[in-house]
Amino acid sequence: MPKKMTIVSGAALLLLTAIVAVLLSVTANGRASAPSRVSVYLPERGEILTMSYSRFLAGCVTGLTNGEILADEALTAIAAAEHSRAMYALSVKKGFENMGADFTVGADFPFTDGDNDERVTNAVRAAEKLLLTLDGEPIYAQMCGISSGRTDDCPPVSPSVALPCDIGAEGFESRTAFTTEEVRRTLHKSGTISPDCSEWFANAVCADTGTLLYIEFNGERITGAALKQAFGLRSVAVTVEYTEDKFRFTCLGLGENKGMSINAADFMAKNGSTAEEILRTFYSGAELEKH
């Protein structure tokens, strides 16, 4: 009888161990855990670097802020948003993306290789304890340098936010001019084109935030984001005018006009807002988890 009880108890113990293991696995999968080290593809150098995740985040924050001196709480908020974006990227990565690396240096992850300011390092250390999630999963936390004065509505995570502090900020407005030949060479793909250059662009449709949703070029629609990329413009809040034989683009803000404005985050921090308050302002539709 005692021997039989020992066998039953052993089986029960094994079953209990298996249940605990499953529960731990589910918990671990439900809670995003940052890797200790990551690989990063640098397109300009054609090489892959391996580094600590913290170093990677710090390099991205330095790239996002262009090395400018921002308030500590703003740096932490930016680092937390970038941490959430990185965790999202890792969660959806498929196949042989990024040349086999975890990340590729670019607009989302503007990693700057080199020594980082101690304040940036401290901000990353604090940010790694914060994570923006939706339904338990990391979010793609969008950011822009300066908004047009109001960010675009991006449900369910980032509703539109009025930011009068961005209007008139340094770099808020920019103007660029291109010759008719430069525009034709960049945008004209096929078919005939009107000899009257003033007819090339027409029927612009903008959001109430100023973001160009689309404009017709030679009868075909092109989005503000595509126009920004094609001509290297500073913002998607862009207007086009043809004068004196040139096309003149006027942009308001810096970036895609979505999510958190880095300039506004710094303004808020300098006026007493904490990193958590800043994040909740721009990502009010997400949960802010603390680890």
C-alpha atoms as a PDB file:
ATOM      1  CA  MET A   1       0.000   0.000   0.000  1.00  0.00           C
ATOM      2  CA  PRO A   2       2.697   2.569   0.860  1.00  0.00           C
ATOM      3  CA  LYS A   3       4.478   1.676  -2.390  1.00  0.00           C
ATOM      4  CA  LYS A   4       1.281   2.285  -4.366  1.00  0.00           C
ATOM      5  CA  MET A   5       0.811   5.665  -2.678  1.00  0.00           C
ATOM      6  CA  THR A   6       4.378   6.619  -3.584  1.00  0.00           C
ATOM      7  CA  ILE A   7       3.731   5.825  -7.250  1.00  0.00           C
ATOM      8  CA  VAL A   8       0.493   7.859  -7.224  1.00  0.00           C
ATOM      9  CA  SER A   9       2.196  10.748  -5.451  1.00  0.00           C
ATOM     10  CA  GLY A  10       5.042  10.673  -7.974  1.00  0.00           C
ATOM     11  CA  ALA A  11       2.589  10.765 -10.882  1.00  0.00           C
ATOM     12  CA  ALA A  12       0.717  13.620  -9.264  1.00  0.00           C
ATOM     13  CA  LEU A  13       3.988  15.486  -8.783  1.00  0.00           C
ATOM     14  CA  LEU A  14       4.889  15.022 -12.431  1.00  0.00           C
ATOM     15  CA  LEU A  15       1.448  16.246 -13.475  1.00  0.00           C
ATOM     16  CA  LEU A  16       1.704  19.263 -11.186  1.00  0.00           C
ATOM     17  CA  THR A  17       5.157  20.077 -12.574  1.00  0.00           C
ATOM     18  CA  ALA A  18       3.823  19.905 -16.121  1.00  0.00           C
ATOM     19  CA  ILE A  19       0.898  22.199 -15.277  1.00  0.00           C
ATOM     20  CA  VAL A  20       3.214  24.733 -13.641  1.00  0.00           C
ATOM     21  CA  ALA A  21       5.527  24.627 -16.658  1.00  0.00           C
ATOM     22  CA  VAL A  22       2.615  25.298 -19.008  1.00  0.00           C
ATOM     23  CA  LEU A  23       1.368  28.157 -16.847  1.00  0.00           C
ATOM     24  CA  LEU A  24       4.824  29.683 -16.716  1.00  0.00           C
ATOM     25  CA  SER A  25       5.126  29.345 -20.476  1.00  0.00           C
ATOM     26  CA  VAL A  26       1.777  31.033 -21.048  1.00  0.00           C
ATOM     27  CA  THR A  27       2.719  33.825 -18.646  1.00  0.00           C
ATOM     28  CA  ALA A  28       6.065  34.307 -20.329  1.00  0.00           C
ATOM     29  CA  ASN A  29       4.490  34.388 -23.771  1.00  0.00           C
ATOM     30  CA  GLY A  30       1.787  36.808 -22.642  1.00  0.00           C
ATOM     31  CA  ARG A  31       4.347  39.224 -21.222  1.00  0.00           C
ATOM     32  CA  ALA A  32       6.859  40.570 -23.716  1.00  0.00           C
ATOM     33  CA  SER A  33      10.389  40.023 -22.499  1.00  0.00           C
ATOM     34  CA  ALA A  34      13.219  42.082 -23.966  1.00  0.00           C
ATOM     35  CA  PRO A  35      16.202  40.122 -25.305  1.00  0.00           C
ATOM     36  CA  SER A  36      19.581  40.687 -23.716  1.00  0.00           C
ATOM     37  CA  ARG A  37      21.321  40.981 -27.098  1.00  0.00           C
ATOM     38  CA  VAL A  38      20.141  41.793 -30.621  1.00  0.00           C
ATOM     39  CA  SER A  39      21.574  41.879 -34.131  1.00  0.00           C
ATOM     40  CA  VAL A  40      21.294  45.037 -36.212  1.00  0.00           C
ATOM     41  CA  TYR A  41      21.717  45.364 -39.981  1.00  0.00           C
ATOM     42  CA  LEU A  42      23.424  48.591 -41.136  1.00  0.00           C
ATOM     43  CA  PRO A  43      22.487  49.062 -44.845  1.00  0.00           C
ATOM     44  CA  GLU A  44      25.018  51.826 -45.505  1.00  0.00           C
ATOM     45  CA  ARG A  45      27.863  49.648 -44.282  1.00  0.00           C
ATOM     46  CA  GLY A  46      26.414  46.365 -45.473  1.00  0.00           C
ATOM     47  CA  GLU A  47      27.146  44.644 -42.183  1.00  0.00           C
ATOM     48  CA  ILE A  48      25.387  43.197 -39.167  1.00  0.00           C
ATOM     49  CA  LEU A  49      26.388  44.186 -35.643  1.00  0.00           C
ATOM     50  CA  THR A  50      25.529  42.290 -32.474  1.00  0.00           C
ATOM     51  CA  MET A  51      25.091  44.321 -29.316  1.00  0.00           C
ATOM     52  CA  SER A  52      23.152  44.564 -26.081  1.00  0.00           C
ATOM     53  CA  TYR A  53      19.498  45.519 -26.436  1.00  0.00           C
ATOM     54  CA  SER A  54      20.088  48.502 -24.147  1.00  0.00           C
ATOM     55  CA  ARG A  55      22.866  49.809 -26.382  1.00  0.00           C
ATOM     56  CA  PHE A  56      20.615  49.414 -29.404  1.00  0.00           C
ATOM     57  CA  LEU A  57      17.803  51.403 -27.764  1.00  0.00           C
ATOM     58  CA  ALA A  58      20.215  54.117 -26.641  1.00  0.00           C
ATOM     59  CA  GLY A  59      21.572  54.458 -30.176  1.00  0.00           C
ATOM     60  CA  CYS A  60      18.014  54.752 -31.539  1.00  0.00           C
ATOM     61  CA  VAL A  61      17.064  57.429 -29.001  1.00  0.00           C
ATOM     62  CA  THR A  62      20.187  59.391 -29.960  1.00  0.00           C
ATOM     63  CA  GLY A  63      19.171  59.102 -33.610  1.00  0.00           C
ATOM     64  CA  LEU A  64      15.564  60.127 -32.933  1.00  0.00           C
ATOM     65  CA  THR A  65      16.621  63.227 -31.006  1.00  0.00           C
ATOM     66  CA  ASN A  66      19.557  64.089 -33.293  1.00  0.00           C
ATOM     67  CA  GLY A  67      21.683  64.371 -30.176  1.00  0.00           C
ATOM     68  CA  GLU A  68      19.715  67.407 -28.942  1.00  0.00           C
ATOM     69  CA  ILE A  69      19.580  68.072 -25.210  1.00  0.00           C
ATOM     70  CA  LEU A  70      16.064  67.212 -24.086  1.00  0.00           C
ATOM     71  CA  ALA A  71      14.514  67.015 -20.625  1.00  0.00           C
ATOM     72  CA  ASP A  72      15.100  63.724 -18.786  1.00  0.00           C
ATOM     73  CA  GLU A  73      11.410  62.759 -18.662  1.00  0.00           C
ATOM     74  CA  ALA A  74      11.080  63.414 -22.386  1.00  0.00           C
ATOM     75  CA  LEU A  75      14.056  61.167 -23.094  1.00  0.00           C
ATOM     76  CA  THR A  76      12.484  58.414 -20.981  1.00  0.00           C
ATOM     77  CA  ALA A  77       9.158  58.748 -22.807  1.00  0.00           C
ATOM     78  CA  ILE A  78      10.902  58.582 -26.195  1.00  0.00           C
ATOM     79  CA  ALA A  79      12.950  55.581 -25.093  1.00  0.00           C
ATOM     80  CA  ALA A  80       9.814  53.803 -23.808  1.00  0.00           C
ATOM     81  CA  ALA A  81       7.987  54.400 -27.102  1.00  0.00           C
ATOM     82  CA  GLU A  82      10.997  53.120 -29.053  1.00  0.00           C
ATOM     83  CA  HIS A  83      11.239  50.112 -26.714  1.00  0.00           C
ATOM     84  CA  SER A  84       7.572  49.315 -27.403  1.00  0.00           C
ATOM     85  CA  ARG A  85       8.134  49.732 -31.150  1.00  0.00           C
ATOM     86  CA  ALA A  86      11.150  47.431 -31.031  1.00  0.00           C
ATOM     87  CA  MET A  87       9.255  44.777 -29.091  1.00  0.00           C
ATOM     88  CA  TYR A  88       6.418  45.019 -31.611  1.00  0.00           C
ATOM     89  CA  ALA A  89       8.878  44.581 -34.476  1.00  0.00           C
ATOM     90  CA  LEU A  90      10.329  41.482 -32.851  1.00  0.00           C
ATOM     91  CA  SER A  91       6.857  40.027 -32.275  1.00  0.00           C
ATOM     92  CA  VAL A  92       5.836  40.290 -35.939  1.00  0.00           C
ATOM     93  CA  LYS A  93       9.171  39.517 -37.583  1.00  0.00           C
ATOM     94  CA  LYS A  94       8.839  36.763 -40.169  1.00  0.00           C
ATOM     95  CA  GLY A  95      11.237  34.875 -42.360  1.00  0.00           C
ATOM     96  CA  PHE A  96      14.580  36.249 -43.419  1.00  0.00           C
ATOM     97  CA  GLU A  97      13.822  39.921 -42.815  1.00  0.00           C
ATOM     98  CA  ASN A  98      16.502  42.512 -42.045  1.00  0.00           C
ATOM     99  CA  MET A  99      19.112  40.402 -43.851  1.00  0.00           C
ATOM    100  CA  GLY A 100      18.691  37.869 -41.070  1.00  0.00           C
ATOM    101  CA  ALA A 101      19.180  40.434 -38.272  1.00  0.00           C
ATOM    102  CA  ASP A 102      16.631  41.461 -35.659  1.00  0.00           C
ATOM    103  CA  PHE A 103      16.480  45.081 -36.840  1.00  0.00           C
ATOM    104  CA  THR A 104      17.460  47.248 -39.798  1.00  0.00           C
ATOM    105  CA  VAL A 105      18.678  50.793 -39.261  1.00  0.00           C
ATOM    106  CA  GLY A 106      16.192  53.212 -40.825  1.00  0.00           C
ATOM    107  CA  ALA A 107      13.377  55.648 -40.036  1.00  0.00           C
ATOM    108  CA  ASP A 108      11.849  53.466 -37.298  1.00  0.00           C
ATOM    109  CA  PHE A 109      15.183  52.514 -35.782  1.00  0.00           C
ATOM    110  CA  PRO A 110      17.659  55.335 -36.544  1.00  0.00           C
ATOM    111  CA  PHE A 111      20.458  53.655 -34.601  1.00  0.00           C
ATOM    112  CA  THR A 112      23.578  55.801 -34.212  1.00  0.00           C
ATOM    113  CA  ASP A 113      26.700  53.754 -33.576  1.00  0.00           C
ATOM    114  CA  GLY A 114      28.958  55.337 -30.987  1.00  0.00           C
ATOM    115  CA  ASP A 115      29.107  56.502 -27.394  1.00  0.00           C
ATOM    116  CA  ASN A 116      25.774  57.664 -25.975  1.00  0.00           C
ATOM    117  CA  ASP A 117      25.168  60.443 -23.492  1.00  0.00           C
ATOM    118  CA  GLU A 118      24.834  59.210 -19.902  1.00  0.00           C
ATOM    119  CA  ARG A 119      21.389  60.806 -19.703  1.00  0.00           C
ATOM    120  CA  VAL A 120      20.246  58.738 -22.689  1.00  0.00           C
ATOM    121  CA  THR A 121      21.632  55.581 -21.068  1.00  0.00           C
ATOM    122  CA  ASN A 122      19.737  56.374 -17.847  1.00  0.00           C
ATOM    123  CA  ALA A 123      16.558  57.074 -19.826  1.00  0.00           C
ATOM    124  CA  VAL A 124      16.815  53.685 -21.544  1.00  0.00           C
ATOM    125  CA  ARG A 125      17.342  51.964 -18.215  1.00  0.00           C
ATOM    126  CA  ALA A 126      14.098  53.514 -16.918  1.00  0.00           C
ATOM    127  CA  ALA A 127      12.235  52.952 -20.197  1.00  0.00           C
ATOM    128  CA  GLU A 128      12.912  49.219 -20.288  1.00  0.00           C
ATOM    129  CA  LYS A 129      10.615  48.914 -17.272  1.00  0.00           C
ATOM    130  CA  LEU A 130       7.750  50.433 -19.284  1.00  0.00           C
ATOM    131  CA  LEU A 131       5.865  48.891 -22.196  1.00  0.00           C
ATOM    132  CA  LEU A 132       2.934  50.174 -24.238  1.00  0.00           C
ATOM    133  CA  THR A 133       0.564  47.343 -25.112  1.00  0.00           C
ATOM    134  CA  LEU A 134      -2.808  46.668 -26.688  1.00  0.00           C
ATOM    135  CA  ASP A 135      -4.586  43.449 -25.740  1.00  0.00           C
ATOM    136  CA  GLY A 136      -1.380  42.335 -24.045  1.00  0.00           C
ATOM    137  CA  GLU A 137       0.822  42.799 -27.125  1.00  0.00           C
ATOM    138  CA  PRO A 138       3.435  45.538 -27.719  1.00  0.00           C
ATOM    139  CA  ILE A 139       2.248  48.365 -29.941  1.00  0.00           C
ATOM    140  CA  TYR A 140       3.907  50.011 -32.912  1.00  0.00           C
ATOM    141  CA  ALA A 141       4.413  53.343 -31.151  1.00  0.00           C
ATOM    142  CA  GLN A 142       4.485  56.025 -33.819  1.00  0.00           C
ATOM    143  CA  MET A 143       6.476  59.238 -33.344  1.00  0.00           C
ATOM    144  CA  CYS A 144       7.183  62.433 -35.235  1.00  0.00           C
ATOM    145  CA  GLY A 145       9.711  65.183 -34.668  1.00  0.00           C
ATOM    146  CA  ILE A 146       7.225  68.063 -34.711  1.00  0.00           C
ATOM    147  CA  SER A 147       3.506  67.879 -35.404  1.00  0.00           C
ATOM    148  CA  SER A 148       1.595  70.201 -37.718  1.00  0.00           C
ATOM    149  CA  GLY A 149      -0.068  71.624 -34.613  1.00  0.00           C
ATOM    150  CA  ARG A 150      -2.352  68.611 -34.225  1.00  0.00           C
ATOM    151  CA  THR A 151      -1.413  64.976 -34.738  1.00  0.00           C
ATOM    152  CA  ASP A 152      -3.450  62.714 -37.001  1.00  0.00           C
ATOM    153  CA  ASP A 153      -6.052  60.414 -35.504  1.00  0.00           C
ATOM    154  CA  CYS A 154      -4.624  56.881 -35.387  1.00  0.00           C
ATOM    155  CA  PRO A 155      -7.120  54.609 -33.617  1.00  0.00           C
ATOM    156  CA  PRO A 156      -7.210  52.651 -31.482  1.00  0.00           C
ATOM    157  CA  VAL A 157      -3.899  53.617 -29.893  1.00  0.00           C
ATOM    158  CA  SER A 158      -3.135  57.262 -30.721  1.00  0.00           C
ATOM    159  CA  PRO A 159      -6.031  59.701 -30.986  1.00  0.00           C
ATOM    160  CA  SER A 160      -5.471  63.157 -32.440  1.00  0.00           C
ATOM    161  CA  VAL A 161      -3.850  65.576 -29.973  1.00  0.00           C
ATOM    162  CA  ALA A 162      -3.818  69.370 -30.310  1.00  0.00           C
ATOM    163  CA  LEU A 163      -0.266  70.661 -29.822  1.00  0.00           C
ATOM    164  CA  PRO A 164      -0.068  74.452 -30.027  1.00  0.00           C
ATOM    165  CA  CYS A 165       3.418  74.168 -28.526  1.00  0.00           C
ATOM    166  CA  ASP A 166       4.640  72.744 -31.845  1.00  0.00           C
ATOM    167  CA  ILE A 167       3.434  75.685 -33.918  1.00  0.00           C
ATOM    168  CA  GLY A 168       6.326  78.034 -34.532  1.00  0.00           C
ATOM    169  CA  ALA A 169       8.923  75.690 -33.046  1.00  0.00           C
ATOM    170  CA  GLU A 170      12.334  75.773 -34.686  1.00  0.00           C
ATOM    171  CA  GLY A 171      12.043  73.836 -37.935  1.00  0.00           C
ATOM    172  CA  PHE A 172       8.223  73.916 -37.878  1.00  0.00           C
ATOM    173  CA  GLU A 173       7.894  75.338 -41.391  1.00  0.00           C
ATOM    174  CA  SER A 174      10.069  74.464 -44.356  1.00  0.00           C
ATOM    175  CA  ARG A 175       9.973  75.376 -48.030  1.00  0.00           C
ATOM    176  CA  THR A 176      11.553  73.518 -50.923  1.00  0.00           C
ATOM    177  CA  ALA A 177      11.484  74.247 -54.652  1.00  0.00           C
ATOM    178  CA  PHE A 178      12.031  71.888 -57.593  1.00  0.00           C
ATOM    179  CA  THR A 179      12.281  72.560 -61.300  1.00  0.00           C
ATOM    180  CA  THR A 180       9.658  71.173 -63.650  1.00  0.00           C
ATOM    181  CA  GLU A 181      12.235  68.741 -65.008  1.00  0.00           C
ATOM    182  CA  GLU A 182      13.078  67.460 -61.520  1.00  0.00           C
ATOM    183  CA  VAL A 183       9.392  66.886 -60.764  1.00  0.00           C
ATOM    184  CA  ARG A 184       8.719  65.237 -64.115  1.00  0.00           C
ATOM    185  CA  ARG A 185      11.722  62.930 -63.743  1.00  0.00           C
ATOM    186  CA  THR A 186      10.725  61.975 -60.207  1.00  0.00           C
ATOM    187  CA  LEU A 187       6.993  61.393 -60.628  1.00  0.00           C
ATOM    188  CA  HIS A 188       6.158  60.852 -64.294  1.00  0.00           C
ATOM    189  CA  LYS A 189       6.210  57.122 -64.966  1.00  0.00           C
ATOM    190  CA  SER A 190       4.358  56.623 -68.242  1.00  0.00           C
ATOM    191  CA  GLY A 191       1.842  58.106 -70.655  1.00  0.00           C
ATOM    192  CA  THR A 192       1.509  61.645 -71.901  1.00  0.00           C
ATOM    193  CA  ILE A 193       1.825  64.688 -69.675  1.00  0.00           C
ATOM    194  CA  SER A 194       0.316  68.132 -70.143  1.00  0.00           C
ATOM    195  CA  PRO A 195       2.635  70.782 -71.584  1.00  0.00           C
ATOM    196  CA  ASP A 196       1.055  73.161 -69.067  1.00  0.00           C
ATOM    197  CA  CYS A 197       3.023  72.431 -65.893  1.00  0.00           C
ATOM    198  CA  SER A 198       0.474  74.225 -63.729  1.00  0.00           C
ATOM    199  CA  GLU A 199      -1.940  71.350 -64.488  1.00  0.00           C
ATOM    200  CA  TRP A 200       0.333  68.568 -63.270  1.00  0.00           C
ATOM    201  CA  PHE A 201      -0.867  68.686 -59.664  1.00  0.00           C
ATOM    202  CA  ALA A 202      -4.586  68.925 -58.873  1.00  0.00           C
ATOM    203  CA  ASN A 203      -7.378  68.015 -56.453  1.00  0.00           C
ATOM    204  CA  ALA A 204      -5.418  67.913 -53.203  1.00  0.00           C
ATOM    205  CA  VAL A 205      -7.309  66.365 -50.278  1.00  0.00           C
ATOM    206  CA  CYS A 206      -6.055  67.130 -46.770  1.00  0.00           C
ATOM    207  CA  ALA A 207      -7.085  66.062 -43.278  1.00  0.00           C
ATOM    208  CA  ASP A 208      -8.126  68.799 -40.861  1.00  0.00           C
ATOM    209  CA  THR A 209      -4.670  68.402 -39.305  1.00  0.00           C
ATOM    210  CA  GLY A 210      -3.057  69.602 -42.529  1.00  0.00           C
ATOM    211  CA  THR A 211      -1.760  66.167 -43.520  1.00  0.00           C
ATOM    212  CA  LEU A 212      -1.959  65.659 -47.276  1.00  0.00           C
ATOM    213  CA  LEU A 213      -4.054  62.519 -47.756  1.00  0.00           C
ATOM    214  CA  TYR A 214      -3.514  62.506 -51.498  1.00  0.00           C
ATOM    215  CA  ILE A 215      -3.059  64.743 -54.512  1.00  0.00           C
ATOM    216  CA  GLU A 216      -3.405  63.944 -58.207  1.00  0.00           C
ATOM    217  CA  PHE A 217      -0.299  64.118 -60.353  1.00  0.00           C
ATOM    218  CA  ASN A 218      -1.003  63.845 -64.070  1.00  0.00           C
ATOM    219  CA  GLY A 219      -4.356  62.252 -63.197  1.00  0.00           C
ATOM    220  CA  GLU A 220      -2.966  59.647 -60.774  1.00  0.00           C
ATOM    221  CA  ARG A 221      -3.239  59.832 -57.000  1.00  0.00           C
ATOM    222  CA  ILE A 222      -0.160  60.106 -54.846  1.00  0.00           C
ATOM    223  CA  THR A 223      -0.263  60.208 -51.044  1.00  0.00           C
ATOM    224  CA  GLY A 224       1.404  62.832 -48.894  1.00  0.00           C
ATOM    225  CA  ALA A 225       3.678  60.147 -47.454  1.00  0.00           C
ATOM    226  CA  ALA A 226       4.737  59.069 -50.961  1.00  0.00           C
ATOM    227  CA  LEU A 227       5.344  62.684 -51.958  1.00  0.00           C
ATOM    228  CA  LYS A 228       7.434  63.211 -48.823  1.00  0.00           C
ATOM    229  CA  GLN A 229       9.552  60.178 -49.634  1.00  0.00           C
ATOM    230  CA  ALA A 230       9.935  61.004 -53.323  1.00  0.00           C
ATOM    231  CA  PHE A 231      11.294  64.499 -52.721  1.00  0.00           C
ATOM    232  CA  GLY A 232      12.857  64.089 -49.284  1.00  0.00           C
ATOM    233  CA  LEU A 233      10.389  66.530 -47.715  1.00  0.00           C
ATOM    234  CA  ARG A 234      10.314  67.143 -43.974  1.00  0.00           C
ATOM    235  CA  SER A 235       6.618  66.455 -43.410  1.00  0.00           C
ATOM    236  CA  VAL A 236       3.421  64.924 -44.801  1.00  0.00           C
ATOM    237  CA  ALA A 237       1.555  68.158 -43.997  1.00  0.00           C
ATOM    238  CA  VAL A 238       2.527  69.604 -47.356  1.00  0.00           C
ATOM    239  CA  THR A 239       1.044  71.987 -49.907  1.00  0.00           C
ATOM    240  CA  VAL A 240       2.160  72.356 -53.537  1.00  0.00           C
ATOM    241  CA  GLU A 241       2.240  75.572 -55.543  1.00  0.00           C
ATOM    242  CA  TYR A 242       3.501  76.268 -59.052  1.00  0.00           C
ATOM    243  CA  THR A 243       5.063  79.725 -59.458  1.00  0.00           C
ATOM    244  CA  GLU A 244       7.914  81.207 -61.468  1.00  0.00           C
ATOM    245  CA  ASP A 245       8.482  77.956 -63.385  1.00  0.00           C
ATOM    246  CA  LYS A 246       9.057  75.951 -60.227  1.00  0.00           C
ATOM    247  CA  PHE A 247       7.046  73.700 -57.939  1.00  0.00           C
ATOM    248  CA  ARG A 248       7.216  74.948 -54.371  1.00  0.00           C
ATOM    249  CA  PHE A 249       6.475  72.585 -51.478  1.00  0.00           C
ATOM    250  CA  THR A 250       5.615  74.050 -48.080  1.00  0.00           C
ATOM    251  CA  CYS A 251       5.731  71.642 -45.127  1.00  0.00           C
ATOM    252  CA  LEU A 252       4.498  72.070 -41.568  1.00  0.00           C
ATOM    253  CA  GLY A 253       6.118  69.942 -38.888  1.00  0.00           C
ATOM    254  CA  LEU A 254       8.669  67.166 -39.119  1.00  0.00           C
ATOM    255  CA  GLY A 255       7.826  63.535 -39.830  1.00  0.00           C
ATOM    256  CA  GLU A 256       4.609  61.606 -40.391  1.00  0.00           C
ATOM    257  CA  ASN A 257       2.450  63.679 -37.982  1.00  0.00           C
ATOM    258  CA  LYS A 258       1.416  60.559 -36.041  1.00  0.00           C
ATOM    259  CA  GLY A 259       1.784  59.466 -32.433  1.00  0.00           C
ATOM    260  CA  MET A 260       4.083  61.312 -30.068  1.00  0.00           C
ATOM    261  CA  SER A 261       5.648  64.601 -31.074  1.00  0.00           C
ATOM    262  CA  ILE A 262       9.209  64.643 -29.741  1.00  0.00           C
ATOM    263  CA  ASN A 263       9.179  68.430 -29.575  1.00  0.00           C
ATOM    264  CA  ALA A 264       5.901  68.415 -27.623  1.00  0.00           C
ATOM    265  CA  ALA A 265       7.172  65.675 -25.299  1.00  0.00           C
ATOM    266  CA  ASP A 266      10.154  67.879 -24.434  1.00  0.00           C
ATOM    267  CA  PHE A 267       7.859  70.885 -23.929  1.00  0.00           C
ATOM    268  CA  MET A 268       5.637  68.872 -21.586  1.00  0.00           C
ATOM    269  CA  ALA A 269       8.604  67.511 -19.629  1.00  0.00           C
ATOM    270  CA  LYS A 270      10.057  70.986 -19.156  1.00  0.00           C
ATOM    271  CA  ASN A 271       6.670  72.035 -17.790  1.00  0.00           C
ATOM    272  CA  GLY A 272       6.534  69.284 -15.179  1.00  0.00           C
ATOM    273  CA  SER A 273       5.027  66.259 -16.925  1.00  0.00           C
ATOM    274  CA  THR A 274       6.467  62.848 -16.132  1.00  0.00           C
ATOM    275  CA  ALA A 275       7.375  60.278 -18.774  1.00  0.00           C
ATOM    276  CA  GLU A 276       4.289  58.256 -17.892  1.00  0.00           C
ATOM    277  CA  GLU A 277       2.023  61.302 -18.253  1.00  0.00           C
ATOM    278  CA  ILE A 278       3.562  62.073 -21.637  1.00  0.00           C
ATOM    279  CA  LEU A 279       3.071  58.509 -22.857  1.00  0.00           C
ATOM    280  CA  ARG A 280      -0.546  58.427 -21.685  1.00  0.00           C
ATOM    281  CA  THR A 281      -1.210  61.695 -23.535  1.00  0.00           C
ATOM    282  CA  PHE A 282      -0.058  60.384 -26.893  1.00  0.00           C
ATOM    283  CA  TYR A 283      -0.978  56.688 -26.561  1.00  0.00           C
ATOM    284  CA  SER A 284      -4.181  56.950 -24.541  1.00  0.00           C
ATOM    285  CA  GLY A 285      -5.676  53.920 -26.271  1.00  0.00           C
ATOM    286  CA  ALA A 286      -2.849  51.649 -25.059  1.00  0.00           C
ATOM    287  CA  GLU A 287      -2.030  50.160 -21.681  1.00  0.00           C
ATOM    288  CA  LEU A 288       1.178  51.284 -20.007  1.00  0.00           C
ATOM    289  CA  GLU A 289       2.662  48.214 -18.331  1.00  0.00           C
ATOM    290  CA  LYS A 290       5.335  48.523 -15.679  1.00  0.00           C
ATOM    291  CA  HIS A 291       7.846  45.739 -15.120  1.00  0.00           C
END
